[in-house]
Amino acid sequence: MSRSQDGAGEQATGKVIEQRGLWLDEMEVGTVYRHAPGRTITEADNTWFTAVTMNTQALHLDAAFAAGEPFGQRLVNSMFTLATLIGLSVSQLTQGTIVGNLGFSEVAFPKPLFHGDTLYAETTILDKRESKSRPGQGIVTLEHIGRNQYGDVVAKAVRQTMVFTSDHAEREAAGRAESAG
């Protein structure tokens, strides 16, 4: 299926704008993106994620146990925090333009996230380059920072991802037009 999932855009009579992330050539090193909206994390979110990933850490599940630990309450699973931090960036940066994630480094959780906290995300483009072996694709290095509603940094990660260039998009559109004609 093409990037326009249901083909509805092809039948529209007016101007059509398809929501997508950025192509490699649209990304500028040093640019900071503040993603909206934030995401308020619920007890159900944390319990579900912890259960589905089989992480039975009592700090996530057992309120009585967690009450006796240094933070005095259950912590949001850090992998849920990381996944949500990255997820908050998708619509603005990589929706429909990503080839795949290549890896993560410098992952840190300086402060905990608790039930009821809201996670806000921002991303800085640290580096980008065209792929030497994959025409129409390039590698981008992104730094993601997650803050709670008080502005405290609760998560940080550097991610390398492969994204398409706008040339790739033009070739793909030309190929679709040719096969339709």
N, C-alpha and C. Protein backbone atom coordinates (compact mmCIF):
# COMPACT_ATOMS: atom_id res chain seq x y z
N MET A 1 0.85 -1.17 0.00
CA MET A 1 0.00 0.00 0.00
C MET A 1 0.89 1.24 0.00
N SER A 2 0.48 2.26 -0.64
CA SER A 2 1.26 3.49 -0.71
C SER A 2 1.24 4.23 0.62
N ARG A 3 1.99 5.31 0.70
CA ARG A 3 2.04 6.11 1.93
C ARG A 3 0.65 6.67 2.25
N SER A 4 -0.17 6.94 1.24
CA SER A 4 -1.54 7.37 1.49
C SER A 4 -2.34 6.08 1.65
N GLN A 5 -2.55 5.66 2.88
CA GLN A 5 -3.01 4.32 3.23
C GLN A 5 -4.30 3.89 2.55
N ASP A 6 -5.25 4.76 2.40
CA ASP A 6 -6.52 4.31 1.84
C ASP A 6 -6.80 4.90 0.46
N GLY A 7 -5.89 5.68 -0.07
CA GLY A 7 -6.07 6.26 -1.39
C GLY A 7 -7.05 7.41 -1.42
N ALA A 8 -7.59 7.83 -0.28
CA ALA A 8 -8.60 8.89 -0.25
C ALA A 8 -8.07 10.19 -0.84
N GLY A 9 -6.79 10.47 -0.65
CA GLY A 9 -6.21 11.70 -1.16
C GLY A 9 -6.28 11.81 -2.67
N GLU A 10 -6.26 10.66 -3.35
CA GLU A 10 -6.30 10.68 -4.81
C GLU A 10 -7.68 11.07 -5.34
N GLN A 11 -8.73 10.96 -4.52
CA GLN A 11 -10.08 11.27 -4.96
C GLN A 11 -10.53 12.65 -4.53
N ALA A 12 -9.73 13.33 -3.73
CA ALA A 12 -10.12 14.65 -3.23
C ALA A 12 -10.11 15.66 -4.37
N THR A 13 -11.00 16.64 -4.28
CA THR A 13 -11.08 17.64 -5.34
C THR A 13 -10.29 18.90 -5.02
N GLY A 14 -10.01 19.15 -3.75
CA GLY A 14 -9.24 20.33 -3.35
C GLY A 14 -7.82 19.96 -3.00
N LYS A 15 -7.15 20.87 -2.37
CA LYS A 15 -5.77 20.65 -1.95
C LYS A 15 -5.74 19.57 -0.86
N VAL A 16 -4.80 18.65 -0.96
CA VAL A 16 -4.65 17.58 0.00
C VAL A 16 -3.28 17.68 0.64
N ILE A 17 -3.25 17.69 1.96
CA ILE A 17 -1.99 17.70 2.69
C ILE A 17 -1.93 16.42 3.49
N GLU A 18 -0.95 15.59 3.20
CA GLU A 18 -0.78 14.33 3.91
C GLU A 18 0.17 14.54 5.08
N GLN A 19 -0.26 14.18 6.29
CA GLN A 19 0.60 14.33 7.46
C GLN A 19 1.75 13.34 7.34
N ARG A 20 2.95 13.84 7.58
CA ARG A 20 4.13 12.98 7.55
C ARG A 20 5.23 13.61 8.38
N GLY A 21 6.27 12.82 8.59
CA GLY A 21 7.47 13.33 9.25
C GLY A 21 8.33 14.07 8.24
N LEU A 22 9.60 14.20 8.56
CA LEU A 22 10.53 14.94 7.71
C LEU A 22 11.42 14.00 6.91
N TRP A 23 11.69 14.40 5.67
CA TRP A 23 12.68 13.69 4.86
C TRP A 23 14.06 14.11 5.36
N LEU A 24 15.07 13.32 5.04
CA LEU A 24 16.43 13.61 5.47
C LEU A 24 16.83 15.03 5.13
N ASP A 25 16.54 15.46 3.90
CA ASP A 25 16.98 16.79 3.45
C ASP A 25 16.19 17.93 4.09
N GLU A 26 15.11 17.63 4.79
CA GLU A 26 14.36 18.66 5.52
C GLU A 26 14.87 18.84 6.95
N MET A 27 15.65 17.89 7.42
CA MET A 27 16.16 17.96 8.80
C MET A 27 17.41 18.84 8.84
N GLU A 28 17.46 19.74 9.81
CA GLU A 28 18.61 20.64 9.97
C GLU A 28 19.29 20.37 11.30
N VAL A 29 20.60 20.12 11.22
CA VAL A 29 21.38 19.87 12.43
C VAL A 29 21.28 21.08 13.35
N GLY A 30 21.04 20.81 14.63
CA GLY A 30 20.92 21.87 15.63
C GLY A 30 19.49 22.30 15.91
N THR A 31 18.56 21.92 15.05
CA THR A 31 17.16 22.30 15.26
C THR A 31 16.57 21.51 16.42
N VAL A 32 15.80 22.20 17.26
CA VAL A 32 15.12 21.58 18.39
C VAL A 32 13.62 21.56 18.07
N TYR A 33 13.02 20.39 18.21
CA TYR A 33 11.58 20.23 18.00
C TYR A 33 10.93 19.97 19.35
N ARG A 34 9.93 20.77 19.70
CA ARG A 34 9.15 20.53 20.92
C ARG A 34 7.85 19.88 20.47
N HIS A 35 7.63 18.68 20.96
CA HIS A 35 6.49 17.87 20.50
C HIS A 35 5.27 18.09 21.40
N ALA A 36 4.13 18.21 20.77
CA ALA A 36 2.88 18.39 21.51
C ALA A 36 1.83 17.46 20.92
N PRO A 37 0.91 17.00 21.70
CA PRO A 37 0.78 17.27 23.13
C PRO A 37 1.69 16.36 23.94
N GLY A 38 1.73 16.61 25.26
CA GLY A 38 2.41 15.70 26.18
C GLY A 38 1.51 14.50 26.43
N ARG A 39 1.95 13.60 27.31
CA ARG A 39 1.18 12.39 27.61
C ARG A 39 1.16 12.18 29.12
N THR A 40 -0.04 12.24 29.72
CA THR A 40 -0.18 11.96 31.14
C THR A 40 -0.20 10.45 31.33
N ILE A 41 0.67 9.97 32.20
CA ILE A 41 0.86 8.54 32.41
C ILE A 41 -0.05 8.07 33.55
N THR A 42 -0.84 7.04 33.28
CA THR A 42 -1.77 6.53 34.28
C THR A 42 -1.24 5.26 34.94
N GLU A 43 -1.85 4.90 36.05
CA GLU A 43 -1.52 3.63 36.70
C GLU A 43 -1.80 2.47 35.75
N ALA A 44 -2.90 2.55 35.01
CA ALA A 44 -3.25 1.48 34.06
C ALA A 44 -2.18 1.34 32.98
N ASP A 45 -1.67 2.46 32.45
CA ASP A 45 -0.59 2.40 31.45
C ASP A 45 0.59 1.61 31.99
N ASN A 46 1.01 1.98 33.20
CA ASN A 46 2.20 1.39 33.80
C ASN A 46 1.99 -0.10 34.11
N THR A 47 0.83 -0.43 34.67
CA THR A 47 0.54 -1.82 35.00
C THR A 47 0.46 -2.67 33.74
N TRP A 48 -0.22 -2.17 32.71
CA TRP A 48 -0.35 -2.92 31.46
C TRP A 48 1.03 -3.15 30.83
N PHE A 49 1.82 -2.10 30.69
CA PHE A 49 3.14 -2.23 30.04
C PHE A 49 4.03 -3.17 30.84
N THR A 50 4.02 -3.04 32.14
CA THR A 50 4.84 -3.89 33.00
C THR A 50 4.42 -5.36 32.85
N ALA A 51 3.12 -5.61 32.80
CA ALA A 51 2.64 -6.99 32.65
C ALA A 51 2.93 -7.55 31.26
N VAL A 52 2.67 -6.78 30.23
CA VAL A 52 2.84 -7.29 28.87
C VAL A 52 4.31 -7.55 28.54
N THR A 53 5.22 -6.84 29.19
CA THR A 53 6.65 -7.05 28.96
C THR A 53 7.25 -8.02 29.98
N MET A 54 6.41 -8.58 30.85
CA MET A 54 6.81 -9.58 31.85
C MET A 54 7.88 -9.06 32.80
N ASN A 55 7.86 -7.76 33.07
CA ASN A 55 8.78 -7.15 34.02
C ASN A 55 8.05 -7.09 35.36
N THR A 56 8.29 -8.04 36.20
CA THR A 56 7.53 -8.15 37.46
C THR A 56 8.18 -7.40 38.62
N GLN A 57 8.98 -6.40 38.30
CA GLN A 57 9.64 -5.58 39.33
C GLN A 57 8.60 -4.99 40.27
N ALA A 58 8.76 -5.28 41.56
CA ALA A 58 7.80 -4.81 42.56
C ALA A 58 7.70 -3.28 42.60
N LEU A 59 8.76 -2.58 42.24
CA LEU A 59 8.71 -1.10 42.23
C LEU A 59 7.65 -0.56 41.27
N HIS A 60 7.24 -1.38 40.28
CA HIS A 60 6.22 -0.95 39.33
C HIS A 60 4.82 -1.41 39.72
N LEU A 61 4.73 -2.51 40.48
CA LEU A 61 3.44 -3.17 40.69
C LEU A 61 2.92 -3.15 42.12
N ASP A 62 3.79 -3.14 43.10
CA ASP A 62 3.41 -3.37 44.49
C ASP A 62 3.50 -2.07 45.29
N ALA A 63 2.35 -1.44 45.53
CA ALA A 63 2.31 -0.14 46.22
C ALA A 63 2.88 -0.23 47.64
N ALA A 64 2.58 -1.32 48.36
CA ALA A 64 3.07 -1.46 49.73
C ALA A 64 4.59 -1.60 49.74
N PHE A 65 5.13 -2.40 48.84
CA PHE A 65 6.58 -2.55 48.74
C PHE A 65 7.24 -1.22 48.38
N ALA A 66 6.71 -0.56 47.35
CA ALA A 66 7.30 0.69 46.86
C ALA A 66 7.25 1.79 47.93
N ALA A 67 6.24 1.75 48.80
CA ALA A 67 6.12 2.77 49.86
C ALA A 67 7.33 2.75 50.80
N GLY A 68 7.96 1.60 50.94
CA GLY A 68 9.12 1.48 51.81
C GLY A 68 10.45 1.72 51.11
N GLU A 69 10.40 2.04 49.83
CA GLU A 69 11.62 2.28 49.04
C GLU A 69 11.92 3.79 48.99
N PRO A 70 13.09 4.18 48.48
CA PRO A 70 13.51 5.59 48.53
C PRO A 70 12.52 6.61 47.97
N PHE A 71 11.76 6.28 46.92
CA PHE A 71 10.84 7.26 46.34
C PHE A 71 9.46 7.23 46.99
N GLY A 72 9.19 6.21 47.81
CA GLY A 72 7.95 6.15 48.57
C GLY A 72 6.70 5.83 47.78
N GLN A 73 6.84 5.50 46.51
CA GLN A 73 5.69 5.15 45.68
C GLN A 73 6.17 4.38 44.46
N ARG A 74 5.21 3.78 43.73
CA ARG A 74 5.57 3.02 42.54
C ARG A 74 6.16 3.94 41.47
N LEU A 75 7.12 3.42 40.73
CA LEU A 75 7.74 4.15 39.63
C LEU A 75 7.14 3.68 38.31
N VAL A 76 7.03 4.59 37.36
CA VAL A 76 6.65 4.20 36.00
C VAL A 76 7.81 3.41 35.42
N ASN A 77 7.50 2.30 34.78
CA ASN A 77 8.51 1.46 34.13
C ASN A 77 9.35 2.32 33.19
N SER A 78 10.66 2.30 33.35
CA SER A 78 11.53 3.17 32.55
C SER A 78 11.46 2.86 31.06
N MET A 79 11.19 1.60 30.70
CA MET A 79 11.08 1.27 29.28
C MET A 79 9.80 1.86 28.69
N PHE A 80 8.75 1.98 29.50
CA PHE A 80 7.53 2.66 29.06
C PHE A 80 7.83 4.15 28.86
N THR A 81 8.59 4.71 29.79
CA THR A 81 8.97 6.12 29.66
C THR A 81 9.75 6.35 28.37
N LEU A 82 10.73 5.49 28.09
CA LEU A 82 11.54 5.62 26.87
C LEU A 82 10.68 5.46 25.62
N ALA A 83 9.84 4.44 25.59
CA ALA A 83 8.98 4.20 24.42
C ALA A 83 8.03 5.37 24.18
N THR A 84 7.48 5.93 25.25
CA THR A 84 6.57 7.06 25.11
C THR A 84 7.32 8.31 24.66
N LEU A 85 8.51 8.52 25.19
CA LEU A 85 9.34 9.65 24.77
C LEU A 85 9.58 9.61 23.27
N ILE A 86 9.96 8.47 22.74
CA ILE A 86 10.20 8.34 21.30
C ILE A 86 8.88 8.49 20.55
N GLY A 87 7.84 7.85 21.06
CA GLY A 87 6.53 7.92 20.40
C GLY A 87 6.01 9.34 20.25
N LEU A 88 6.27 10.19 21.23
CA LEU A 88 5.80 11.58 21.16
C LEU A 88 6.43 12.34 19.99
N SER A 89 7.57 11.86 19.49
CA SER A 89 8.26 12.56 18.39
C SER A 89 7.83 12.09 17.01
N VAL A 90 7.15 10.96 16.92
CA VAL A 90 6.90 10.32 15.63
C VAL A 90 6.14 11.19 14.65
N SER A 91 5.01 11.74 15.03
CA SER A 91 4.18 12.47 14.06
C SER A 91 4.91 13.66 13.47
N GLN A 92 5.79 14.28 14.24
CA GLN A 92 6.49 15.47 13.76
C GLN A 92 7.76 15.15 12.99
N LEU A 93 8.41 14.02 13.30
CA LEU A 93 9.73 13.76 12.71
C LEU A 93 9.80 12.58 11.75
N THR A 94 9.19 11.44 12.08
CA THR A 94 9.47 10.24 11.29
C THR A 94 8.24 9.51 10.75
N GLN A 95 7.04 10.04 10.96
CA GLN A 95 5.84 9.37 10.45
C GLN A 95 5.90 9.22 8.94
N GLY A 96 5.99 7.99 8.46
CA GLY A 96 5.99 7.74 7.02
C GLY A 96 7.31 8.02 6.32
N THR A 97 8.32 8.46 7.05
CA THR A 97 9.61 8.79 6.42
C THR A 97 10.74 7.92 6.94
N ILE A 98 10.47 7.09 7.91
CA ILE A 98 11.52 6.27 8.54
C ILE A 98 11.69 4.94 7.80
N VAL A 99 12.93 4.51 7.70
CA VAL A 99 13.23 3.16 7.22
C VAL A 99 13.27 2.23 8.42
N GLY A 100 13.94 2.66 9.49
CA GLY A 100 14.01 1.87 10.71
C GLY A 100 14.97 2.49 11.71
N ASN A 101 14.83 2.08 12.95
CA ASN A 101 15.76 2.51 14.00
C ASN A 101 17.05 1.70 13.88
N LEU A 102 18.17 2.35 14.07
CA LEU A 102 19.47 1.69 14.01
C LEU A 102 20.03 1.40 15.40
N GLY A 103 19.69 2.22 16.37
CA GLY A 103 20.18 1.97 17.72
C GLY A 103 19.99 3.15 18.64
N PHE A 104 20.17 2.86 19.92
CA PHE A 104 20.06 3.86 20.97
C PHE A 104 21.35 3.88 21.78
N SER A 105 21.73 5.05 22.26
CA SER A 105 22.88 5.17 23.15
C SER A 105 22.58 6.26 24.16
N GLU A 106 23.41 6.35 25.16
CA GLU A 106 23.29 7.41 26.16
C GLU A 106 21.88 7.51 26.73
N VAL A 107 21.28 6.35 27.01
CA VAL A 107 19.95 6.32 27.62
C VAL A 107 20.11 6.54 29.12
N ALA A 108 19.35 7.49 29.66
CA ALA A 108 19.44 7.79 31.09
C ALA A 108 18.07 8.23 31.60
N PHE A 109 17.85 7.96 32.88
CA PHE A 109 16.62 8.35 33.56
C PHE A 109 17.01 9.10 34.83
N PRO A 110 17.32 10.41 34.71
CA PRO A 110 17.83 11.18 35.85
C PRO A 110 16.88 11.30 37.02
N LYS A 111 15.59 11.29 36.76
CA LYS A 111 14.57 11.36 37.82
C LYS A 111 13.45 10.41 37.43
N PRO A 112 12.72 9.89 38.42
CA PRO A 112 11.63 8.96 38.11
C PRO A 112 10.39 9.68 37.60
N LEU A 113 9.55 8.90 36.93
CA LEU A 113 8.23 9.35 36.51
C LEU A 113 7.23 8.56 37.35
N PHE A 114 6.18 9.22 37.81
CA PHE A 114 5.18 8.60 38.68
C PHE A 114 3.81 8.62 37.99
N HIS A 115 2.90 7.77 38.48
CA HIS A 115 1.52 7.78 37.98
C HIS A 115 0.97 9.20 38.12
N GLY A 116 0.31 9.67 37.07
CA GLY A 116 -0.26 11.02 37.09
C GLY A 116 0.66 12.09 36.54
N ASP A 117 1.94 11.78 36.37
CA ASP A 117 2.86 12.75 35.76
C ASP A 117 2.59 12.85 34.26
N THR A 118 2.89 14.01 33.70
CA THR A 118 2.77 14.21 32.26
C THR A 118 4.17 14.30 31.68
N LEU A 119 4.40 13.52 30.62
CA LEU A 119 5.68 13.49 29.94
C LEU A 119 5.62 14.41 28.72
N TYR A 120 6.57 15.32 28.64
CA TYR A 120 6.72 16.22 27.49
C TYR A 120 8.04 15.89 26.82
N ALA A 121 8.08 16.01 25.49
CA ALA A 121 9.27 15.60 24.74
C ALA A 121 9.78 16.70 23.84
N GLU A 122 11.10 16.71 23.69
CA GLU A 122 11.73 17.54 22.68
C GLU A 122 12.87 16.75 22.07
N THR A 123 13.15 17.06 20.82
CA THR A 123 14.19 16.34 20.07
C THR A 123 15.09 17.35 19.39
N THR A 124 16.39 17.10 19.46
CA THR A 124 17.39 17.90 18.76
C THR A 124 18.03 17.04 17.69
N ILE A 125 18.16 17.59 16.48
CA ILE A 125 18.88 16.90 15.41
C ILE A 125 20.37 17.12 15.66
N LEU A 126 21.09 16.06 16.00
CA LEU A 126 22.52 16.18 16.30
C LEU A 126 23.40 16.04 15.06
N ASP A 127 22.98 15.16 14.13
CA ASP A 127 23.81 14.89 12.95
C ASP A 127 22.95 14.23 11.89
N LYS A 128 23.38 14.34 10.65
CA LYS A 128 22.71 13.63 9.56
C LYS A 128 23.71 13.45 8.43
N ARG A 129 23.50 12.38 7.68
CA ARG A 129 24.32 12.15 6.49
C ARG A 129 23.59 11.19 5.56
N GLU A 130 23.88 11.31 4.27
CA GLU A 130 23.30 10.37 3.32
C GLU A 130 23.99 9.03 3.46
N SER A 131 23.25 7.96 3.22
CA SER A 131 23.81 6.62 3.29
C SER A 131 24.74 6.40 2.09
N LYS A 132 25.88 5.77 2.35
CA LYS A 132 26.81 5.46 1.26
C LYS A 132 26.36 4.23 0.48
N SER A 133 25.60 3.37 1.12
CA SER A 133 25.22 2.10 0.48
C SER A 133 23.75 2.00 0.12
N ARG A 134 22.94 2.95 0.55
CA ARG A 134 21.49 2.88 0.31
C ARG A 134 21.00 4.20 -0.29
N PRO A 135 21.00 4.29 -1.61
CA PRO A 135 20.54 5.53 -2.26
C PRO A 135 19.11 5.89 -1.82
N GLY A 136 18.88 7.18 -1.63
CA GLY A 136 17.55 7.63 -1.22
C GLY A 136 17.30 7.52 0.27
N GLN A 137 18.35 7.18 1.03
CA GLN A 137 18.21 7.04 2.47
C GLN A 137 19.38 7.70 3.18
N GLY A 138 19.19 8.03 4.44
CA GLY A 138 20.26 8.64 5.21
C GLY A 138 20.11 8.33 6.69
N ILE A 139 21.18 8.60 7.41
CA ILE A 139 21.22 8.32 8.85
C ILE A 139 21.15 9.64 9.62
N VAL A 140 20.26 9.67 10.59
CA VAL A 140 20.07 10.86 11.42
C VAL A 140 20.32 10.46 12.87
N THR A 141 21.03 11.32 13.59
CA THR A 141 21.24 11.13 15.02
C THR A 141 20.39 12.16 15.75
N LEU A 142 19.53 11.67 16.63
CA LEU A 142 18.56 12.50 17.35
C LEU A 142 18.80 12.38 18.85
N GLU A 143 18.68 13.49 19.55
CA GLU A 143 18.70 13.45 21.01
C GLU A 143 17.30 13.77 21.50
N HIS A 144 16.72 12.82 22.22
CA HIS A 144 15.38 12.99 22.79
C HIS A 144 15.51 13.30 24.28
N ILE A 145 14.76 14.30 24.73
CA ILE A 145 14.74 14.67 26.15
C ILE A 145 13.29 14.67 26.60
N GLY A 146 13.01 13.98 27.71
CA GLY A 146 11.68 13.94 28.29
C GLY A 146 11.66 14.67 29.62
N ARG A 147 10.67 15.52 29.80
CA ARG A 147 10.51 16.27 31.05
C ARG A 147 9.11 16.01 31.62
N ASN A 148 9.02 16.08 32.94
CA ASN A 148 7.70 15.99 33.56
C ASN A 148 7.05 17.37 33.58
N GLN A 149 5.89 17.47 34.19
CA GLN A 149 5.12 18.72 34.20
C GLN A 149 5.81 19.83 34.99
N TYR A 150 6.84 19.49 35.75
CA TYR A 150 7.58 20.50 36.52
C TYR A 150 8.85 20.94 35.79
N GLY A 151 9.11 20.35 34.63
CA GLY A 151 10.31 20.69 33.87
C GLY A 151 11.53 19.85 34.21
N ASP A 152 11.37 18.88 35.12
CA ASP A 152 12.49 18.00 35.49
C ASP A 152 12.76 17.01 34.36
N VAL A 153 14.02 16.82 34.02
CA VAL A 153 14.38 15.82 33.01
C VAL A 153 14.22 14.44 33.63
N VAL A 154 13.37 13.62 33.01
CA VAL A 154 13.11 12.26 33.50
C VAL A 154 13.65 11.19 32.57
N ALA A 155 14.00 11.57 31.34
CA ALA A 155 14.56 10.59 30.39
C ALA A 155 15.34 11.32 29.32
N LYS A 156 16.42 10.66 28.89
CA LYS A 156 17.23 11.18 27.78
C LYS A 156 17.70 9.98 26.97
N ALA A 157 17.79 10.15 25.67
CA ALA A 157 18.32 9.09 24.82
C ALA A 157 18.82 9.69 23.51
N VAL A 158 19.90 9.12 23.01
CA VAL A 158 20.39 9.45 21.68
C VAL A 158 20.01 8.27 20.79
N ARG A 159 19.39 8.58 19.66
CA ARG A 159 18.89 7.54 18.75
C ARG A 159 19.44 7.77 17.35
N GLN A 160 19.88 6.70 16.71
CA GLN A 160 20.21 6.77 15.29
C GLN A 160 19.11 6.07 14.53
N THR A 161 18.66 6.71 13.47
CA THR A 161 17.58 6.16 12.66
C THR A 161 17.89 6.39 11.19
N MET A 162 17.36 5.53 10.35
CA MET A 162 17.52 5.70 8.92
C MET A 162 16.20 6.24 8.37
N VAL A 163 16.29 7.32 7.59
CA VAL A 163 15.10 7.93 7.00
C VAL A 163 15.30 8.08 5.49
N PHE A 164 14.18 8.22 4.81
CA PHE A 164 14.21 8.44 3.37
C PHE A 164 14.53 9.89 3.05
N THR A 165 15.05 10.12 1.85
CA THR A 165 15.23 11.48 1.33
C THR A 165 14.00 11.85 0.52
N SER A 166 13.85 13.12 0.21
CA SER A 166 12.71 13.54 -0.62
C SER A 166 12.84 12.98 -2.03
N ASP A 167 14.06 12.73 -2.50
CA ASP A 167 14.24 12.09 -3.82
C ASP A 167 13.57 10.73 -3.86
N HIS A 168 13.71 9.99 -2.77
CA HIS A 168 13.07 8.67 -2.68
C HIS A 168 11.55 8.83 -2.81
N ALA A 169 11.00 9.82 -2.13
CA ALA A 169 9.55 10.06 -2.17
C ALA A 169 9.09 10.39 -3.58
N GLU A 170 9.87 11.21 -4.28
CA GLU A 170 9.52 11.56 -5.66
C GLU A 170 9.57 10.34 -6.57
N ARG A 171 10.60 9.50 -6.39
CA ARG A 171 10.70 8.27 -7.20
C ARG A 171 9.54 7.33 -6.90
N GLU A 172 9.18 7.23 -5.63
CA GLU A 172 8.06 6.37 -5.25
C GLU A 172 6.75 6.86 -5.87
N ALA A 173 6.52 8.17 -5.83
CA ALA A 173 5.31 8.75 -6.41
C ALA A 173 5.28 8.54 -7.92
N ALA A 174 6.42 8.70 -8.58
CA ALA A 174 6.49 8.48 -10.03
C ALA A 174 6.20 7.02 -10.35
N GLY A 175 6.71 6.11 -9.54
CA GLY A 175 6.45 4.68 -9.75
C GLY A 175 4.98 4.34 -9.58
N ARG A 176 4.32 4.95 -8.60
CA ARG A 176 2.89 4.71 -8.40
C ARG A 176 2.10 5.24 -9.59
N ALA A 177 2.48 6.43 -10.07
CA ALA A 177 1.77 7.02 -11.21
C ALA A 177 1.94 6.15 -12.45
N GLU A 178 3.14 5.64 -12.64
CA GLU A 178 3.43 4.80 -13.81
C GLU A 178 2.64 3.50 -13.75
N SER A 179 2.56 2.88 -12.58
CA SER A 179 1.83 1.61 -12.46
C SER A 179 0.32 1.82 -12.56
N ALA A 180 -0.16 3.01 -12.18
CA ALA A 180 -1.59 3.31 -12.27
C ALA A 180 -2.01 3.64 -13.70
N GLY A 181 -1.04 4.14 -14.49
CA GLY A 181 -1.35 4.60 -15.84
C GLY A 181 -1.32 3.52 -16.82
